[in-house]
Amino acid sequence: MRQFVLLWMITLSVVSCTPAKKTPSLFVKPLCIAQQSQCDFQSPFGQVNVSFNVEKIQTEQLFKIYLSGNNLPANLTVSAYLEGKEMYMGKIPLFFQYDEQAKHYVSDAMLGSCSEEKMTWVVWFTIADATTDKKTVSRFIEFTSERD
């Protein structure tokens, strides 16, 4: 009987200490979020829209960043990185790929957790014409993340 009680107590303590699984709300359609400094910017390639696949950016949760536009060509080279605005957390590289079917550029991203409950991040974009390298634009947007 003692062994059963001991086994039951160990099982209960292990189960109660297991962290709850986080399930972010994912959206199929990219959207401009409320915590974003701007949703679009002008470039030599036309207007570029920046959007996310989640309504709220949370640390340690995977999300996607989209670059789209009416006439955005498929032959662009997009290099980008994230960095903290108030606190330097290093540069987090972003790797944009062109989605031929959806006609936009997309990158996965994830933010590290910080001691602050909310943190402002800056995404730095450099967009260049891959065929000529004559047209290049560098822009940034800011957004806020929350710790869950």
Protein backbone atom coordinates (compact mmCIF):
# COMPACT_ATOMS: atom_id res chain seq x y z
CA MET A 1 0.00 0.00 0.00
CA ARG A 2 2.85 2.41 0.83
CA GLN A 3 4.42 1.80 -2.57
CA PHE A 4 1.12 2.63 -4.27
CA VAL A 5 0.75 5.90 -2.31
CA LEU A 6 4.37 6.83 -3.01
CA LEU A 7 3.96 6.09 -6.73
CA TRP A 8 0.73 8.08 -6.81
CA MET A 9 2.38 11.10 -5.12
CA ILE A 10 5.34 11.03 -7.53
CA THR A 11 3.00 10.82 -10.52
CA LEU A 12 0.89 13.70 -9.21
CA SER A 13 3.94 15.91 -8.64
CA VAL A 14 5.33 15.22 -12.13
CA VAL A 15 1.98 15.92 -13.82
CA SER A 16 1.36 19.10 -11.83
CA CYS A 17 4.80 20.49 -12.71
CA THR A 18 4.42 19.96 -16.45
CA PRO A 19 3.95 23.35 -18.17
CA ALA A 20 0.75 23.92 -20.07
CA LYS A 21 1.06 23.79 -23.84
CA LYS A 22 0.73 27.14 -25.55
CA THR A 23 -1.43 27.21 -28.64
CA PRO A 24 -1.14 30.49 -30.52
CA SER A 25 -4.08 31.59 -32.61
CA LEU A 26 -2.93 31.24 -36.21
CA PHE A 27 -4.63 32.94 -39.10
CA VAL A 28 -4.54 31.75 -42.67
CA LYS A 29 -4.80 35.23 -44.14
CA PRO A 30 -1.93 37.65 -43.32
CA LEU A 31 -2.98 40.74 -41.40
CA CYS A 32 -1.60 44.03 -40.16
CA ILE A 33 -1.57 43.88 -36.36
CA ALA A 34 -2.52 46.67 -33.95
CA GLN A 35 0.96 46.71 -32.35
CA GLN A 36 2.63 47.42 -35.72
CA SER A 37 4.13 50.90 -36.38
CA GLN A 38 3.12 50.82 -40.04
CA CYS A 39 1.54 48.31 -42.39
CA ASP A 40 3.21 49.33 -45.62
CA PHE A 41 5.96 51.42 -47.19
CA GLN A 42 6.89 52.73 -50.61
CA SER A 43 9.76 51.19 -52.55
CA PRO A 44 11.12 51.31 -56.12
CA PHE A 45 9.16 48.07 -56.62
CA GLY A 46 5.84 49.63 -55.58
CA GLN A 47 4.03 49.61 -52.28
CA VAL A 48 5.17 46.83 -49.93
CA ASN A 49 2.73 45.51 -47.32
CA VAL A 50 4.08 43.95 -44.11
CA SER A 51 1.77 41.56 -42.30
CA PHE A 52 1.76 38.72 -39.79
CA ASN A 53 -0.12 35.42 -39.46
CA VAL A 54 -1.05 36.04 -35.81
CA GLU A 55 -3.07 38.79 -34.20
CA LYS A 56 -0.69 39.20 -31.26
CA ILE A 57 3.03 38.43 -31.23
CA GLN A 58 4.06 36.33 -28.25
CA THR A 59 7.59 35.41 -27.25
CA GLU A 60 8.76 31.85 -27.81
CA GLN A 61 5.91 31.25 -30.29
CA LEU A 62 6.53 30.71 -34.00
CA PHE A 63 4.94 33.28 -36.32
CA LYS A 64 5.28 34.34 -39.95
CA ILE A 65 6.08 37.70 -41.52
CA TYR A 66 4.78 38.42 -45.01
CA LEU A 67 5.87 40.97 -47.61
CA SER A 68 3.40 41.51 -50.40
CA GLY A 69 2.36 44.08 -52.95
CA ASN A 70 0.31 44.42 -56.13
CA ASN A 71 3.29 44.38 -58.48
CA LEU A 72 6.01 42.94 -56.26
CA PRO A 73 8.28 40.92 -58.59
CA ALA A 74 9.44 37.38 -57.81
CA ASN A 75 13.10 38.20 -58.53
CA LEU A 76 13.78 40.23 -55.39
CA THR A 77 16.36 39.47 -52.75
CA VAL A 78 14.94 40.19 -49.31
CA SER A 79 17.34 40.22 -46.39
CA ALA A 80 16.05 41.14 -42.96
CA TYR A 81 16.65 40.83 -39.26
CA LEU A 82 14.90 41.57 -35.96
CA GLU A 83 16.38 43.37 -32.98
CA GLY A 84 15.07 44.71 -29.70
CA LYS A 85 14.46 48.45 -29.54
CA GLU A 86 14.77 49.14 -25.81
CA MET A 87 17.00 46.18 -24.96
CA TYR A 88 19.62 44.66 -27.23
CA MET A 89 18.81 40.97 -27.66
CA GLY A 90 21.11 40.35 -30.62
CA LYS A 91 20.16 40.28 -34.28
CA ILE A 92 17.69 37.57 -35.25
CA PRO A 93 18.05 36.83 -38.98
CA LEU A 94 14.97 36.37 -41.14
CA PHE A 95 15.06 34.25 -44.29
CA PHE A 96 12.42 35.31 -46.80
CA GLN A 97 11.33 32.95 -49.57
CA TYR A 98 9.04 33.81 -52.46
CA ASP A 99 5.78 31.86 -52.45
CA GLU A 100 4.91 31.51 -56.14
CA GLN A 101 1.34 30.40 -55.49
CA ALA A 102 0.46 33.15 -52.98
CA LYS A 103 2.62 35.79 -54.75
CA HIS A 104 4.31 37.06 -51.59
CA TYR A 105 7.53 36.68 -49.61
CA VAL A 106 7.35 34.87 -46.27
CA SER A 107 9.69 34.17 -43.35
CA ASP A 108 9.30 32.22 -40.12
CA ALA A 109 10.27 34.08 -36.96
CA MET A 110 10.45 33.51 -33.22
CA LEU A 111 11.36 35.92 -30.42
CA GLY A 112 13.20 35.10 -27.24
CA SER A 113 11.60 35.88 -23.92
CA CYS A 114 12.77 38.95 -22.05
CA SER A 115 12.51 40.20 -18.47
CA GLU A 116 10.06 42.86 -19.68
CA GLU A 117 6.37 41.94 -20.01
CA LYS A 118 6.13 43.88 -23.30
CA MET A 119 8.95 44.63 -25.68
CA THR A 120 9.23 46.63 -28.89
CA TRP A 121 11.06 44.99 -31.77
CA VAL A 122 12.38 46.47 -35.01
CA VAL A 123 12.42 44.56 -38.30
CA TRP A 124 15.05 45.89 -40.71
CA PHE A 125 14.41 45.06 -44.38
CA THR A 126 16.78 45.40 -47.32
CA ILE A 127 15.11 44.63 -50.63
CA ALA A 128 17.10 44.49 -53.86
CA ASP A 129 16.45 43.53 -57.47
CA ALA A 130 18.29 40.19 -57.79
CA THR A 131 18.79 40.58 -61.54
CA THR A 132 20.35 44.04 -61.69
CA ASP A 133 21.14 45.12 -58.10
CA LYS A 134 20.40 48.68 -59.24
CA LYS A 135 17.27 49.15 -57.15
CA THR A 136 17.70 48.73 -53.42
CA VAL A 137 15.59 49.93 -50.54
CA SER A 138 16.14 49.70 -46.78
CA ARG A 139 13.20 50.19 -44.44
CA PHE A 140 12.08 49.18 -40.97
CA ILE A 141 8.90 48.64 -39.02
CA GLU A 142 8.34 48.24 -35.29
CA PHE A 143 5.96 45.97 -33.40
CA THR A 144 5.38 44.94 -29.81
CA SER A 145 5.52 41.43 -28.37
CA GLU A 146 4.09 40.15 -25.10
CA ARG A 147 5.32 37.46 -22.79
CA ASP A 148 2.72 34.81 -22.13
